[in-house]
Amino acid sequence: MSARGLYRRHSAQFKLQLCTDIRNGKIGRREARRTYQISANLIQLWLSQYDRGALNVEEAAATTITEYEAKIAALERKVGQLTMEADLLKKTLRLLAGLNSETSSIISGALPAQSDGGVK
């Protein structure tokens, strides 16, 4: 098992750009394999899709939009969770403040108990 994991995902924009560069002769398949550490079979699959028109700018944009929407949804869930936690902490602090109705000093904490005045 390699250090980079079992699977990697490549954006549609990356696939489109790589296939365009290979078809225009800017980069060779072997160089693309070495540079991006992609298997020859995967490059061939992408080139076949590119030749059929399955990889295009609209699809790349749609994929990007879908990825952004998923990220936004995840962030909205996280914001909701953090908001609920903040509200719970505020309520807890209010309850604790209500239970601790003793007069206290900011500097020294709770005031000392009143004595009967005599020292033995």
C-alpha atoms as a PDB file:
ATOM      1  CA  MET A   1       0.000   0.000   0.000  1.00  0.00           C
ATOM      2  CA  SER A   2       1.430   3.360  -0.968  1.00  0.00           C
ATOM      3  CA  ALA A   3       1.769   6.401   1.245  1.00  0.00           C
ATOM      4  CA  ARG A   4      -0.751   8.409  -0.774  1.00  0.00           C
ATOM      5  CA  GLY A   5      -3.627   5.997  -0.136  1.00  0.00           C
ATOM      6  CA  LEU A   6      -5.682   3.748  -2.349  1.00  0.00           C
ATOM      7  CA  TYR A   7      -7.558   6.279  -4.444  1.00  0.00           C
ATOM      8  CA  ARG A   8      -7.137   9.878  -5.512  1.00  0.00           C
ATOM      9  CA  ARG A   9      -9.750  12.060  -7.125  1.00  0.00           C
ATOM     10  CA  HIS A  10      -8.918  14.409  -9.947  1.00  0.00           C
ATOM     11  CA  SER A  11     -11.132  17.318 -10.887  1.00  0.00           C
ATOM     12  CA  ALA A  12     -12.806  17.402 -14.264  1.00  0.00           C
ATOM     13  CA  GLN A  13     -10.880  20.590 -15.008  1.00  0.00           C
ATOM     14  CA  PHE A  14      -7.566  18.798 -14.410  1.00  0.00           C
ATOM     15  CA  LYS A  15      -8.589  15.885 -16.621  1.00  0.00           C
ATOM     16  CA  LEU A  16      -9.740  18.234 -19.382  1.00  0.00           C
ATOM     17  CA  GLN A  17      -6.524  20.273 -19.254  1.00  0.00           C
ATOM     18  CA  LEU A  18      -4.307  17.191 -19.249  1.00  0.00           C
ATOM     19  CA  CYS A  19      -6.136  15.604 -22.183  1.00  0.00           C
ATOM     20  CA  THR A  20      -6.033  18.877 -24.122  1.00  0.00           C
ATOM     21  CA  ASP A  21      -2.290  19.175 -23.521  1.00  0.00           C
ATOM     22  CA  ILE A  22      -1.678  15.562 -24.617  1.00  0.00           C
ATOM     23  CA  ARG A  23      -3.792  15.920 -27.756  1.00  0.00           C
ATOM     24  CA  ASN A  24      -2.098  19.233 -28.661  1.00  0.00           C
ATOM     25  CA  GLY A  25       1.355  17.694 -28.182  1.00  0.00           C
ATOM     26  CA  LYS A  26       2.385  19.938 -25.265  1.00  0.00           C
ATOM     27  CA  ILE A  27       3.053  16.904 -23.078  1.00  0.00           C
ATOM     28  CA  GLY A  28       3.464  13.228 -23.823  1.00  0.00           C
ATOM     29  CA  ARG A  29       1.670  10.374 -22.095  1.00  0.00           C
ATOM     30  CA  ARG A  30       4.858   9.096 -20.512  1.00  0.00           C
ATOM     31  CA  GLU A  31       5.744  12.541 -19.184  1.00  0.00           C
ATOM     32  CA  ALA A  32       2.205  12.966 -17.814  1.00  0.00           C
ATOM     33  CA  ARG A  33       2.485   9.583 -16.073  1.00  0.00           C
ATOM     34  CA  ARG A  34       5.742  10.548 -14.388  1.00  0.00           C
ATOM     35  CA  THR A  35       4.799  14.130 -13.561  1.00  0.00           C
ATOM     36  CA  TYR A  36       1.372  13.443 -12.057  1.00  0.00           C
ATOM     37  CA  GLN A  37       1.937   9.794 -11.000  1.00  0.00           C
ATOM     38  CA  ILE A  38      -1.089   8.591 -12.955  1.00  0.00           C
ATOM     39  CA  SER A  39      -1.359   5.130 -14.464  1.00  0.00           C
ATOM     40  CA  ALA A  40      -1.270   4.680 -18.231  1.00  0.00           C
ATOM     41  CA  ASN A  41      -4.685   2.983 -18.112  1.00  0.00           C
ATOM     42  CA  LEU A  42      -6.243   5.961 -16.376  1.00  0.00           C
ATOM     43  CA  ILE A  43      -4.752   8.375 -18.897  1.00  0.00           C
ATOM     44  CA  GLN A  44      -6.108   6.203 -21.716  1.00  0.00           C
ATOM     45  CA  LEU A  45      -9.552   6.168 -20.099  1.00  0.00           C
ATOM     46  CA  TRP A  46      -9.548   9.963 -19.801  1.00  0.00           C
ATOM     47  CA  LEU A  47      -8.384  10.365 -23.401  1.00  0.00           C
ATOM     48  CA  SER A  48     -11.192   8.082 -24.588  1.00  0.00           C
ATOM     49  CA  GLN A  49     -13.708  10.155 -22.663  1.00  0.00           C
ATOM     50  CA  TYR A  50     -12.154  13.330 -24.051  1.00  0.00           C
ATOM     51  CA  ASP A  51     -12.385  12.036 -27.632  1.00  0.00           C
ATOM     52  CA  ARG A  52     -16.047  11.070 -27.148  1.00  0.00           C
ATOM     53  CA  GLY A  53     -16.770  14.533 -25.751  1.00  0.00           C
ATOM     54  CA  ALA A  54     -17.568  13.263 -22.288  1.00  0.00           C
ATOM     55  CA  LEU A  55     -15.004  15.650 -20.786  1.00  0.00           C
ATOM     56  CA  ASN A  56     -15.944  19.223 -21.545  1.00  0.00           C
ATOM     57  CA  VAL A  57     -15.951  22.646 -19.965  1.00  0.00           C
ATOM     58  CA  GLU A  58     -19.613  22.513 -18.935  1.00  0.00           C
ATOM     59  CA  GLU A  59     -19.143  19.203 -17.151  1.00  0.00           C
ATOM     60  CA  ALA A  60     -16.041  20.520 -15.418  1.00  0.00           C
ATOM     61  CA  ALA A  61     -17.961  23.589 -14.247  1.00  0.00           C
ATOM     62  CA  ALA A  62     -20.912  21.453 -13.099  1.00  0.00           C
ATOM     63  CA  THR A  63     -18.580  19.177 -11.151  1.00  0.00           C
ATOM     64  CA  THR A  64     -16.926  22.169  -9.508  1.00  0.00           C
ATOM     65  CA  ILE A  65     -20.306  23.644  -8.576  1.00  0.00           C
ATOM     66  CA  THR A  66     -21.435  20.323  -7.103  1.00  0.00           C
ATOM     67  CA  GLU A  67     -18.246  20.097  -5.035  1.00  0.00           C
ATOM     68  CA  TYR A  68     -18.729  23.662  -3.764  1.00  0.00           C
ATOM     69  CA  GLU A  69     -22.359  22.961  -2.859  1.00  0.00           C
ATOM     70  CA  ALA A  70     -21.287  19.919  -0.851  1.00  0.00           C
ATOM     71  CA  LYS A  71     -18.660  21.973   0.992  1.00  0.00           C
ATOM     72  CA  ILE A  72     -21.184  24.735   1.697  1.00  0.00           C
ATOM     73  CA  ALA A  73     -23.682  22.218   3.091  1.00  0.00           C
ATOM     74  CA  ALA A  74     -21.018  20.722   5.361  1.00  0.00           C
ATOM     75  CA  LEU A  75     -20.001  24.172   6.603  1.00  0.00           C
ATOM     76  CA  GLU A  76     -23.632  25.136   7.235  1.00  0.00           C
ATOM     77  CA  ARG A  77     -24.084  21.991   9.327  1.00  0.00           C
ATOM     78  CA  LYS A  78     -20.950  22.852  11.304  1.00  0.00           C
ATOM     79  CA  VAL A  79     -22.120  26.428  11.895  1.00  0.00           C
ATOM     80  CA  GLY A  80     -25.469  25.106  13.143  1.00  0.00           C
ATOM     81  CA  GLN A  81     -23.748  22.707  15.498  1.00  0.00           C
ATOM     82  CA  LEU A  82     -21.435  25.410  16.859  1.00  0.00           C
ATOM     83  CA  THR A  83     -24.361  27.803  17.298  1.00  0.00           C
ATOM     84  CA  MET A  84     -26.238  25.201  19.341  1.00  0.00           C
ATOM     85  CA  GLU A  85     -23.151  24.580  21.490  1.00  0.00           C
ATOM     86  CA  ALA A  86     -22.674  28.317  22.092  1.00  0.00           C
ATOM     87  CA  ASP A  87     -26.329  28.692  23.107  1.00  0.00           C
ATOM     88  CA  LEU A  88     -26.007  25.761  25.519  1.00  0.00           C
ATOM     89  CA  LEU A  89     -22.895  27.285  27.097  1.00  0.00           C
ATOM     90  CA  LYS A  90     -24.674  30.633  27.538  1.00  0.00           C
ATOM     91  CA  LYS A  91     -27.648  28.957  29.216  1.00  0.00           C
ATOM     92  CA  THR A  92     -25.330  26.971  31.488  1.00  0.00           C
ATOM     93  CA  LEU A  93     -23.503  30.137  32.548  1.00  0.00           C
ATOM     94  CA  ARG A  94     -26.823  31.877  33.308  1.00  0.00           C
ATOM     95  CA  LEU A  95     -27.975  28.906  35.397  1.00  0.00           C
ATOM     96  CA  LEU A  96     -24.709  28.801  37.307  1.00  0.00           C
ATOM     97  CA  ALA A  97     -24.870  32.529  37.933  1.00  0.00           C
ATOM     98  CA  GLY A  98     -28.409  32.132  39.289  1.00  0.00           C
ATOM     99  CA  LEU A  99     -27.390  29.312  41.634  1.00  0.00           C
ATOM    100  CA  ASN A 100     -24.411  31.224  42.952  1.00  0.00           C
ATOM    101  CA  SER A 101     -26.366  34.130  44.422  1.00  0.00           C
ATOM    102  CA  GLU A 102     -23.753  34.892  47.071  1.00  0.00           C
ATOM    103  CA  THR A 103     -22.306  38.357  47.131  1.00  0.00           C
ATOM    104  CA  SER A 104     -18.818  38.145  45.814  1.00  0.00           C
ATOM    105  CA  SER A 105     -15.969  40.483  45.166  1.00  0.00           C
ATOM    106  CA  ILE A 106     -14.258  40.583  41.824  1.00  0.00           C
ATOM    107  CA  ILE A 107     -10.872  40.817  43.484  1.00  0.00           C
ATOM    108  CA  SER A 108     -11.064  38.296  46.286  1.00  0.00           C
ATOM    109  CA  GLY A 109     -13.979  36.038  45.410  1.00  0.00           C
ATOM    110  CA  ALA A 110     -16.675  35.421  48.025  1.00  0.00           C
ATOM    111  CA  LEU A 111     -16.792  37.822  50.947  1.00  0.00           C
ATOM    112  CA  PRO A 112     -15.684  36.381  54.298  1.00  0.00           C
ATOM    113  CA  ALA A 113     -18.368  35.266  56.725  1.00  0.00           C
ATOM    114  CA  GLN A 114     -19.401  37.787  59.386  1.00  0.00           C
ATOM    115  CA  SER A 115     -17.820  37.036  62.737  1.00  0.00           C
ATOM    116  CA  ASP A 116     -19.274  37.681  66.171  1.00  0.00           C
ATOM    117  CA  GLY A 117     -16.588  40.301  66.763  1.00  0.00           C
ATOM    118  CA  GLY A 118     -14.610  38.596  69.506  1.00  0.00           C
ATOM    119  CA  VAL A 119     -11.206  37.106  69.049  1.00  0.00           C
ATOM    120  CA  LYS A 120     -10.172  34.478  71.585  1.00  0.00           C
END
